[in-house]
C-alpha atoms as a PDB file:
ATOM      1  CA  MET A   1      -0.312  -0.211  -0.224  1.00  0.00           C
ATOM      2  CA  THR A   2       1.665   3.472  -0.987  1.00  0.00           C
ATOM      3  CA  GLY A   3       0.381   7.077  -1.568  1.00  0.00           C
ATOM      4  CA  SER A   4      -1.005   9.489   1.204  1.00  0.00           C
ATOM      5  CA  ALA A   5      -2.990   6.630   2.966  1.00  0.00           C
ATOM      6  CA  GLY A   6       0.367   5.667   4.101  1.00  0.00           C
ATOM      7  CA  ARG A   7       1.751   1.712   4.057  1.00  0.00           C
ATOM      8  CA  ILE A   8       2.546  -1.027   6.164  1.00  0.00           C
ATOM      9  CA  THR A   9       6.060  -2.689   5.483  1.00  0.00           C
ATOM     10  CA  TYR A  10       6.536  -6.176   6.348  1.00  0.00           C
ATOM     11  CA  GLU A  11      10.075  -7.838   5.857  1.00  0.00           C
ATOM     12  CA  GLN A  12      11.134 -11.558   6.841  1.00  0.00           C
ATOM     13  CA  ARG A  13      14.739 -11.667   8.893  1.00  0.00           C
ATOM     14  CA  ASP A  14      15.352 -15.143   8.984  1.00  0.00           C
ATOM     15  CA  ALA A  15      12.614 -16.159  11.743  1.00  0.00           C
ATOM     16  CA  LEU A  16      11.483 -12.697  12.295  1.00  0.00           C
ATOM     17  CA  ALA A  17       8.998 -10.672  11.092  1.00  0.00           C
ATOM     18  CA  LEU A  18       9.787  -6.709  10.953  1.00  0.00           C
ATOM     19  CA  ILE A  19       6.095  -5.015  10.646  1.00  0.00           C
ATOM     20  CA  GLY A  20       6.640  -1.156   9.915  1.00  0.00           C
ATOM     21  CA  ILE A  21       4.318   1.747  10.042  1.00  0.00           C
ATOM     22  CA  ASP A  22       4.944   4.205   7.076  1.00  0.00           C
ATOM     23  CA  ARG A  23       3.954   7.649   7.297  1.00  0.00           C
ATOM     24  CA  PRO A  24       6.670   9.494   8.659  1.00  0.00           C
ATOM     25  CA  LYS A  25       5.359  13.018   6.629  1.00  0.00           C
ATOM     26  CA  LYS A  26       2.251  12.728   8.903  1.00  0.00           C
ATOM     27  CA  LEU A  27       3.848  11.314  12.161  1.00  0.00           C
ATOM     28  CA  ASN A  28       2.662   7.904  10.860  1.00  0.00           C
ATOM     29  CA  GLY A  29      -0.662   8.984  11.709  1.00  0.00           C
ATOM     30  CA  PHE A  30      -3.274   5.850  10.801  1.00  0.00           C
ATOM     31  CA  THR A  31      -5.745   5.963   8.096  1.00  0.00           C
ATOM     32  CA  PRO A  32      -8.096   2.865   7.323  1.00  0.00           C
ATOM     33  CA  GLU A  33      -6.301   1.653   4.864  1.00  0.00           C
ATOM     34  CA  MET A  34      -3.179   1.575   6.721  1.00  0.00           C
ATOM     35  CA  TYR A  35      -4.908  -0.094  10.089  1.00  0.00           C
ATOM     36  CA  ARG A  36      -6.313  -2.874   7.876  1.00  0.00           C
ATOM     37  CA  ALA A  37      -2.920  -3.474   6.481  1.00  0.00           C
ATOM     38  CA  LEU A  38      -1.243  -3.759   9.751  1.00  0.00           C
ATOM     39  CA  ALA A  39      -4.120  -6.339  10.540  1.00  0.00           C
ATOM     40  CA  ASP A  40      -2.990  -8.065   7.107  1.00  0.00           C
ATOM     41  CA  ALA A  41       0.996  -8.480   8.116  1.00  0.00           C
ATOM     42  CA  PHE A  42      -0.354  -9.658  11.679  1.00  0.00           C
ATOM     43  CA  GLY A  43      -2.291 -12.573   9.814  1.00  0.00           C
ATOM     44  CA  THR A  44       0.544 -13.268   7.459  1.00  0.00           C
ATOM     45  CA  LEU A  45       2.667 -13.300  10.589  1.00  0.00           C
ATOM     46  CA  GLU A  46       0.332 -16.438  12.357  1.00  0.00           C
ATOM     47  CA  ARG A  47      -0.020 -17.918   9.253  1.00  0.00           C
ATOM     48  CA  ASP A  48       4.369 -18.491   8.132  1.00  0.00           C
ATOM     49  CA  ALA A  49       5.383 -21.119   9.598  1.00  0.00           C
ATOM     50  CA  GLY A  50       8.662 -19.858   9.228  1.00  0.00           C
ATOM     51  CA  VAL A  51       8.200 -17.135  11.409  1.00  0.00           C
ATOM     52  CA  ARG A  52       8.408 -17.364  15.227  1.00  0.00           C
ATOM     53  CA  VAL A  53       8.635 -13.735  16.369  1.00  0.00           C
ATOM     54  CA  GLY A  54       7.085 -10.183  15.577  1.00  0.00           C
ATOM     55  CA  VAL A  55       8.899  -6.815  15.631  1.00  0.00           C
ATOM     56  CA  LEU A  56       6.500  -4.011  15.379  1.00  0.00           C
ATOM     57  CA  TYR A  57       8.025  -0.841  14.773  1.00  0.00           C
ATOM     58  CA  ALA A  58       8.021   3.170  13.018  1.00  0.00           C
ATOM     59  CA  HIS A  59       9.651   4.318  10.322  1.00  0.00           C
ATOM     60  CA  GLY A  60      10.686   7.935  10.791  1.00  0.00           C
ATOM     61  CA  GLY A  61      11.234   9.569  14.068  1.00  0.00           C
ATOM     62  CA  ASN A  62       7.793   8.950  15.421  1.00  0.00           C
ATOM     63  CA  PHE A  63       5.879   5.832  16.102  1.00  0.00           C
ATOM     64  CA  THR A  64       2.679   7.115  15.367  1.00  0.00           C
ATOM     65  CA  ALA A  65       0.249  10.340  16.461  1.00  0.00           C
ATOM     66  CA  GLY A  66      -2.847   7.972  16.395  1.00  0.00           C
ATOM     67  CA  LEU A  67      -5.996   7.971  14.204  1.00  0.00           C
ATOM     68  CA  GLN A  68      -6.365  10.424  11.581  1.00  0.00           C
ATOM     69  CA  LEU A  69      -9.752  11.191  13.397  1.00  0.00           C
ATOM     70  CA  ASP A  70     -11.218  13.034  10.590  1.00  0.00           C
ATOM     71  CA  LEU A  71     -10.669   9.459   8.488  1.00  0.00           C
ATOM     72  CA  PHE A  72     -12.302   7.238  11.323  1.00  0.00           C
ATOM     73  CA  ALA A  73     -14.874   9.576  12.824  1.00  0.00           C
ATOM     74  CA  PRO A  74     -17.595   8.372  10.385  1.00  0.00           C
ATOM     75  CA  MET A  75     -16.368   4.669  11.225  1.00  0.00           C
ATOM     76  CA  MET A  76     -17.085   5.570  14.984  1.00  0.00           C
ATOM     77  CA  ARG A  77     -20.288   6.809  14.596  1.00  0.00           C
ATOM     78  CA  SER A  78     -21.549   3.604  12.132  1.00  0.00           C
ATOM     79  CA  GLY A  79     -19.990   1.835  14.394  1.00  0.00           C
ATOM     80  CA  GLU A  80     -18.358  -0.020  11.417  1.00  0.00           C
ATOM     81  CA  PRO A  81     -15.404  -2.264  12.124  1.00  0.00           C
ATOM     82  CA  MET A  82     -11.979  -1.658  11.114  1.00  0.00           C
ATOM     83  CA  VAL A  83     -10.694  -4.769   9.878  1.00  0.00           C
ATOM     84  CA  PRO A  84     -12.594  -7.626   9.249  1.00  0.00           C
ATOM     85  CA  ALA A  85     -14.179 -10.057  11.602  1.00  0.00           C
ATOM     86  CA  ASP A  86     -11.882 -12.921  10.380  1.00  0.00           C
ATOM     87  CA  ALA A  87      -8.785 -10.847  10.705  1.00  0.00           C
ATOM     88  CA  ILE A  88      -6.161 -10.670  13.152  1.00  0.00           C
ATOM     89  CA  ASP A  89      -6.868  -7.500  15.210  1.00  0.00           C
ATOM     90  CA  PRO A  90      -3.314  -5.999  16.322  1.00  0.00           C
ATOM     91  CA  LEU A  91      -4.540  -4.596  19.050  1.00  0.00           C
ATOM     92  CA  GLY A  92      -5.805  -7.842  20.509  1.00  0.00           C
ATOM     93  CA  LEU A  93      -9.211  -7.175  21.728  1.00  0.00           C
ATOM     94  CA  ARG A  94     -11.225 -10.222  20.081  1.00  0.00           C
ATOM     95  CA  ALA A  95     -10.696 -13.483  18.467  1.00  0.00           C
ATOM     96  CA  PRO A  96      -8.768 -14.722  16.314  1.00  0.00           C
ATOM     97  CA  LEU A  97      -5.892 -13.986  18.516  1.00  0.00           C
ATOM     98  CA  ARG A  98      -2.427 -14.020  17.220  1.00  0.00           C
ATOM     99  CA  SER A  99      -0.315 -16.925  18.733  1.00  0.00           C
ATOM    100  CA  LYS A 100       3.317 -15.556  18.345  1.00  0.00           C
ATOM    101  CA  PRO A 101       4.689 -13.156  20.574  1.00  0.00           C
ATOM    102  CA  VAL A 102       5.539  -9.513  19.364  1.00  0.00           C
ATOM    103  CA  VAL A 103       7.949  -7.234  20.686  1.00  0.00           C
ATOM    104  CA  CYS A 104       7.222  -3.509  20.230  1.00  0.00           C
ATOM    105  CA  ALA A 105       9.894  -0.782  19.343  1.00  0.00           C
ATOM    106  CA  VAL A 106       8.494   2.626  19.823  1.00  0.00           C
ATOM    107  CA  GLN A 107      10.175   6.275  19.730  1.00  0.00           C
ATOM    108  CA  GLY A 108       9.222   9.858  19.521  1.00  0.00           C
ATOM    109  CA  ILE A 109       5.110  11.152  19.434  1.00  0.00           C
ATOM    110  CA  CYS A 110       3.610   7.729  20.862  1.00  0.00           C
ATOM    111  CA  PHE A 111      -0.218   8.967  21.381  1.00  0.00           C
ATOM    112  CA  THR A 112      -3.413   7.766  21.563  1.00  0.00           C
ATOM    113  CA  LEU A 113      -3.439   4.254  19.436  1.00  0.00           C
ATOM    114  CA  GLY A 114       0.294   4.013  19.435  1.00  0.00           C
ATOM    115  CA  ILE A 115       0.038   3.449  23.324  1.00  0.00           C
ATOM    116  CA  GLU A 116      -2.564   0.762  22.643  1.00  0.00           C
ATOM    117  CA  LEU A 117      -0.857  -0.754  19.789  1.00  0.00           C
ATOM    118  CA  MET A 118       2.116  -1.285  22.089  1.00  0.00           C
ATOM    119  CA  LEU A 119       0.306  -2.160  25.128  1.00  0.00           C
ATOM    120  CA  ALA A 120      -1.055  -4.983  22.932  1.00  0.00           C
ATOM    121  CA  GLN A 121       2.077  -6.643  21.892  1.00  0.00           C
ATOM    122  CA  ASP A 122       3.958  -8.239  24.509  1.00  0.00           C
ATOM    123  CA  ILE A 123       7.129  -6.724  25.498  1.00  0.00           C
ATOM    124  CA  VAL A 124       8.173  -3.165  24.533  1.00  0.00           C
ATOM    125  CA  VAL A 125      11.354  -1.248  24.108  1.00  0.00           C
ATOM    126  CA  ALA A 126      11.073   2.630  24.174  1.00  0.00           C
ATOM    127  CA  ALA A 127      13.467   5.273  23.227  1.00  0.00           C
ATOM    128  CA  ASP A 128      14.116   7.869  25.723  1.00  0.00           C
ATOM    129  CA  ASP A 129      12.597  10.831  23.478  1.00  0.00           C
ATOM    130  CA  CYS A 130       9.311   9.611  23.282  1.00  0.00           C
ATOM    131  CA  ARG A 131       6.122  11.426  24.211  1.00  0.00           C
ATOM    132  CA  PHE A 132       3.461   9.630  25.221  1.00  0.00           C
ATOM    133  CA  ALA A 133      -0.148  11.085  25.633  1.00  0.00           C
ATOM    134  CA  GLN A 134      -3.694   9.061  25.728  1.00  0.00           C
ATOM    135  CA  ILE A 135      -5.748  12.373  24.745  1.00  0.00           C
ATOM    136  CA  GLU A 136      -8.982  10.964  23.652  1.00  0.00           C
ATOM    137  CA  VAL A 137     -11.456  12.892  26.687  1.00  0.00           C
ATOM    138  CA  LYS A 138      -9.839  16.042  24.697  1.00  0.00           C
ATOM    139  CA  ARG A 139     -11.523  15.011  21.443  1.00  0.00           C
ATOM    140  CA  GLY A 140     -14.860  14.200  22.986  1.00  0.00           C
ATOM    141  CA  VAL A 141     -14.459  10.517  22.656  1.00  0.00           C
ATOM    142  CA  ILE A 142     -13.135   7.556  24.620  1.00  0.00           C
ATOM    143  CA  PRO A 143      -9.564   5.513  24.277  1.00  0.00           C
ATOM    144  CA  THR A 144     -11.236   2.032  22.598  1.00  0.00           C
ATOM    145  CA  GLY A 145      -8.053   0.004  21.421  1.00  0.00           C
ATOM    146  CA  GLY A 146      -7.597  -1.379  25.300  1.00  0.00           C
ATOM    147  CA  ALA A 147      -6.342   1.700  27.089  1.00  0.00           C
ATOM    148  CA  THR A 148      -8.827   1.884  29.449  1.00  0.00           C
ATOM    149  CA  MET A 149      -8.131  -1.837  30.713  1.00  0.00           C
ATOM    150  CA  ARG A 150      -4.717  -2.668  30.202  1.00  0.00           C
ATOM    151  CA  PHE A 151      -3.748   1.252  32.006  1.00  0.00           C
ATOM    152  CA  VAL A 152      -5.321  -0.287  34.780  1.00  0.00           C
ATOM    153  CA  GLU A 153      -4.055  -3.365  34.899  1.00  0.00           C
ATOM    154  CA  ARG A 154      -0.062  -2.611  34.292  1.00  0.00           C
ATOM    155  CA  ALA A 155      -0.291   1.127  36.205  1.00  0.00           C
ATOM    156  CA  GLY A 156      -3.300   0.599  38.830  1.00  0.00           C
ATOM    157  CA  TRP A 157      -6.242   2.426  39.207  1.00  0.00           C
ATOM    158  CA  GLY A 158      -4.573   6.210  40.494  1.00  0.00           C
ATOM    159  CA  ASN A 159      -2.217   5.770  37.661  1.00  0.00           C
ATOM    160  CA  ALA A 160      -4.371   5.034  34.963  1.00  0.00           C
ATOM    161  CA  GLN A 161      -7.132   7.799  35.658  1.00  0.00           C
ATOM    162  CA  ARG A 162      -4.006   9.895  36.310  1.00  0.00           C
ATOM    163  CA  TYR A 163      -3.887  10.006  32.489  1.00  0.00           C
ATOM    164  CA  LEU A 164      -6.957   8.845  30.982  1.00  0.00           C
ATOM    165  CA  LEU A 165      -8.897  11.658  32.338  1.00  0.00           C
ATOM    166  CA  THR A 166      -6.588  14.477  32.221  1.00  0.00           C
ATOM    167  CA  GLY A 167      -4.645  13.790  28.302  1.00  0.00           C
ATOM    168  CA  ASP A 168      -1.457  14.726  29.670  1.00  0.00           C
ATOM    169  CA  GLU A 169       1.572  13.805  28.363  1.00  0.00           C
ATOM    170  CA  PHE A 170       4.398  11.755  30.204  1.00  0.00           C
ATOM    171  CA  ASP A 171       7.704  10.688  28.924  1.00  0.00           C
ATOM    172  CA  ALA A 172       9.805   7.168  28.447  1.00  0.00           C
ATOM    173  CA  THR A 173      10.805   7.379  32.514  1.00  0.00           C
ATOM    174  CA  GLU A 174       7.214   7.620  33.760  1.00  0.00           C
ATOM    175  CA  ALA A 175       5.904   5.090  31.152  1.00  0.00           C
ATOM    176  CA  TYR A 176       8.725   2.884  32.477  1.00  0.00           C
ATOM    177  CA  ARG A 177       7.118   3.162  36.284  1.00  0.00           C
ATOM    178  CA  LEU A 178       3.641   2.448  35.037  1.00  0.00           C
ATOM    179  CA  GLY A 179       5.020  -0.629  33.534  1.00  0.00           C
ATOM    180  CA  PHE A 180       3.906   0.166  29.998  1.00  0.00           C
ATOM    181  CA  VAL A 181       7.590  -0.017  28.445  1.00  0.00           C
ATOM    182  CA  GLN A 182      10.224  -2.530  29.759  1.00  0.00           C
ATOM    183  CA  GLU A 183      13.336  -1.165  28.781  1.00  0.00           C
ATOM    184  CA  ILE A 184      14.264   2.796  27.849  1.00  0.00           C
ATOM    185  CA  VAL A 185      17.151   3.110  25.104  1.00  0.00           C
ATOM    186  CA  PRO A 186      19.154   5.634  23.375  1.00  0.00           C
ATOM    187  CA  ALA A 187      17.006   7.203  20.571  1.00  0.00           C
ATOM    188  CA  GLY A 188      17.693   5.450  17.440  1.00  0.00           C
ATOM    189  CA  ARG A 189      18.590   2.192  19.076  1.00  0.00           C
ATOM    190  CA  GLN A 190      14.943   0.915  19.551  1.00  0.00           C
ATOM    191  CA  LEU A 191      14.713  -1.218  16.508  1.00  0.00           C
ATOM    192  CA  GLU A 192      18.275  -2.574  17.112  1.00  0.00           C
ATOM    193  CA  ARG A 193      17.037  -3.627  20.643  1.00  0.00           C
ATOM    194  CA  ALA A 194      14.039  -5.056  20.084  1.00  0.00           C
ATOM    195  CA  LEU A 195      15.441  -7.399  17.156  1.00  0.00           C
ATOM    196  CA  GLU A 196      18.030  -8.105  19.925  1.00  0.00           C
ATOM    197  CA  ILE A 197      14.912  -9.195  22.292  1.00  0.00           C
ATOM    198  CA  ALA A 198      13.063 -10.841  19.395  1.00  0.00           C
ATOM    199  CA  ALA A 199      15.859 -13.252  18.125  1.00  0.00           C
ATOM    200  CA  THR A 200      16.308 -14.329  21.728  1.00  0.00           C
ATOM    201  CA  ILE A 201      12.634 -15.564  21.852  1.00  0.00           C
ATOM    202  CA  ALA A 202      12.916 -16.560  18.355  1.00  0.00           C
ATOM    203  CA  ALA A 203      16.342 -18.860  19.895  1.00  0.00           C
ATOM    204  CA  GLN A 204      13.701 -20.764  22.061  1.00  0.00           C
ATOM    205  CA  ALA A 205      11.149 -23.493  21.729  1.00  0.00           C
ATOM    206  CA  PRO A 206       9.127 -21.948  19.637  1.00  0.00           C
ATOM    207  CA  LEU A 207       5.826 -25.184  20.945  1.00  0.00           C
ATOM    208  CA  ALA A 208       6.868 -24.092  24.524  1.00  0.00           C
ATOM    209  CA  VAL A 209       7.229 -20.062  23.618  1.00  0.00           C
ATOM    210  CA  ARG A 210       3.704 -19.973  22.200  1.00  0.00           C
ATOM    211  CA  ALA A 211       2.293 -22.477  24.980  1.00  0.00           C
ATOM    212  CA  SER A 212       3.676 -20.081  27.902  1.00  0.00           C
ATOM    213  CA  LEU A 213       2.562 -16.664  26.082  1.00  0.00           C
ATOM    214  CA  ALA A 214      -1.246 -18.591  25.854  1.00  0.00           C
ATOM    215  CA  SER A 215      -0.891 -19.615  29.516  1.00  0.00           C
ATOM    216  CA  SER A 216      -0.225 -15.891  31.074  1.00  0.00           C
ATOM    217  CA  ARG A 217      -3.001 -14.618  28.653  1.00  0.00           C
ATOM    218  CA  ARG A 218      -5.738 -16.927  30.093  1.00  0.00           C
ATOM    219  CA  TYR A 219      -4.217 -15.674  33.762  1.00  0.00           C
ATOM    220  CA  VAL A 220      -5.075 -12.658  32.926  1.00  0.00           C
ATOM    221  CA  GLU A 221      -8.917 -13.408  31.311  1.00  0.00           C
ATOM    222  CA  ARG A 222      -9.560 -16.107  34.176  1.00  0.00           C
ATOM    223  CA  GLY A 223      -7.803 -15.739  37.195  1.00  0.00           C
ATOM    224  CA  PRO A 224      -5.040 -18.249  38.612  1.00  0.00           C
ATOM    225  CA  LEU A 225      -7.985 -21.575  39.007  1.00  0.00           C
ATOM    226  CA  GLY A 226      -9.391 -20.823  35.547  1.00  0.00           C
ATOM    227  CA  ILE A 227      -5.395 -22.018  33.977  1.00  0.00           C
ATOM    228  CA  LYS A 228      -4.282 -24.598  36.302  1.00  0.00           C
ATOM    229  CA  GLU A 229      -5.695 -27.933  35.029  1.00  0.00           C
ATOM    230  CA  GLU A 230      -5.251 -26.859  31.435  1.00  0.00           C
ATOM    231  CA  MET A 231      -1.927 -25.573  31.972  1.00  0.00           C
ATOM    232  CA  ASP A 232      -1.100 -29.259  32.999  1.00  0.00           C
ATOM    233  CA  ALA A 233      -2.198 -30.589  30.202  1.00  0.00           C
ATOM    234  CA  VAL A 234      -0.381 -28.427  27.822  1.00  0.00           C
ATOM    235  CA  GLN A 235       2.847 -29.274  30.198  1.00  0.00           C
ATOM    236  CA  ARG A 236       2.207 -32.659  29.647  1.00  0.00           C
ATOM    237  CA  SER A 237       1.583 -32.505  25.592  1.00  0.00           C
ATOM    238  CA  LEU A 238       5.127 -30.374  25.658  1.00  0.00           C
ATOM    239  CA  ALA A 239       6.923 -32.786  27.344  1.00  0.00           C
ATOM    240  CA  LEU A 240       5.958 -35.393  24.532  1.00  0.00           C
ATOM    241  CA  THR A 241       7.840 -33.361  21.682  1.00  0.00           C
ATOM    242  CA  GLU A 242      10.901 -33.566  19.915  1.00  0.00           C
ATOM    243  CA  ASP A 243      11.406 -30.024  21.073  1.00  0.00           C
ATOM    244  CA  ALA A 244      11.729 -31.431  24.583  1.00  0.00           C
ATOM    245  CA  ALA A 245      13.828 -34.121  23.799  1.00  0.00           C
ATOM    246  CA  GLU A 246      16.301 -31.589  22.529  1.00  0.00           C
ATOM    247  CA  GLY A 247      15.865 -29.562  25.306  1.00  0.00           C
ATOM    248  CA  VAL A 248      16.800 -32.537  27.738  1.00  0.00           C
ATOM    249  CA  ARG A 249      19.818 -33.114  25.583  1.00  0.00           C
ATOM    250  CA  ALA A 250      21.104 -29.468  25.747  1.00  0.00           C
ATOM    251  CA  PHE A 251      20.812 -29.651  28.870  1.00  0.00           C
ATOM    252  CA  ILE A 252      22.899 -32.293  29.583  1.00  0.00           C
ATOM    253  CA  GLU A 253      25.589 -31.136  26.837  1.00  0.00           C
ATOM    254  CA  ARG A 254      25.333 -27.947  28.505  1.00  0.00           C
ATOM    255  CA  ARG A 255      24.730 -26.015  25.084  1.00  0.00           C
ATOM    256  CA  GLN A 256      21.862 -24.539  23.384  1.00  0.00           C
ATOM    257  CA  GLY A 257      19.192 -25.957  21.988  1.00  0.00           C
ATOM    258  CA  ARG A 258      18.402 -26.680  18.529  1.00  0.00           C
ATOM    259  CA  PHE A 259      14.730 -26.671  18.168  1.00  0.00           C
ATOM    260  CA  THR A 260      12.854 -27.025  15.290  1.00  0.00           C
ATOM    261  CA  GLY A 261       8.720 -26.521  16.321  1.00  0.00           C
ATOM    262  CA  ARG A 262       7.823 -30.269  16.361  1.00  0.00           C
END
């Protein structure tokens, strides 16, 4: 996808899929076409057996200023979904959900949808020049991409309302304090560091990685009692895989495992 509507880039590097937001002249503000293309990219990540981990990032100096509101307002009024029902929503708010981990790299302006996108991924690396804000209340609407839930989940009630109700900006240090980002790096190194983390994940047993991610999600949805029996069944299934046998051999031989996903 090209032109004024912006585009989403997709690049595979070994077992990693790099998904890039590319509309830097408009602060990477999202058009409806861009959001649908992002969902398509997440679908490709999910379906490609050769990809184990995704990396979400942005071209240029900013992650994204959020939705181009004038283009999305008619969809908000009509209730039109942003992506088709069978697509993988990058915000992870409805099925089908992706099963592979995604590391997110953010820099510069990261407003509204930008925060919601990064919180919908699994690990976030932030540049030290980040500017965050969830400014929907300043536009007469509310965040519907997960902020009202994930702010509370990560930061607690008071910290969440401090920014949801005011629309105030905060920086990378505050985002780290709130639990929104896991690492802060010098501006310009955020993608490099995200790729390093993603490569480390990709070197692990892929079935176990996906099962661990799924178990964590179930805990968030159901609590500890809701996952215990299922967790034991998953562990028994994983223990019978070739990767589990390779893990034992690697332990005995004191080397890195060579996992195939079988």
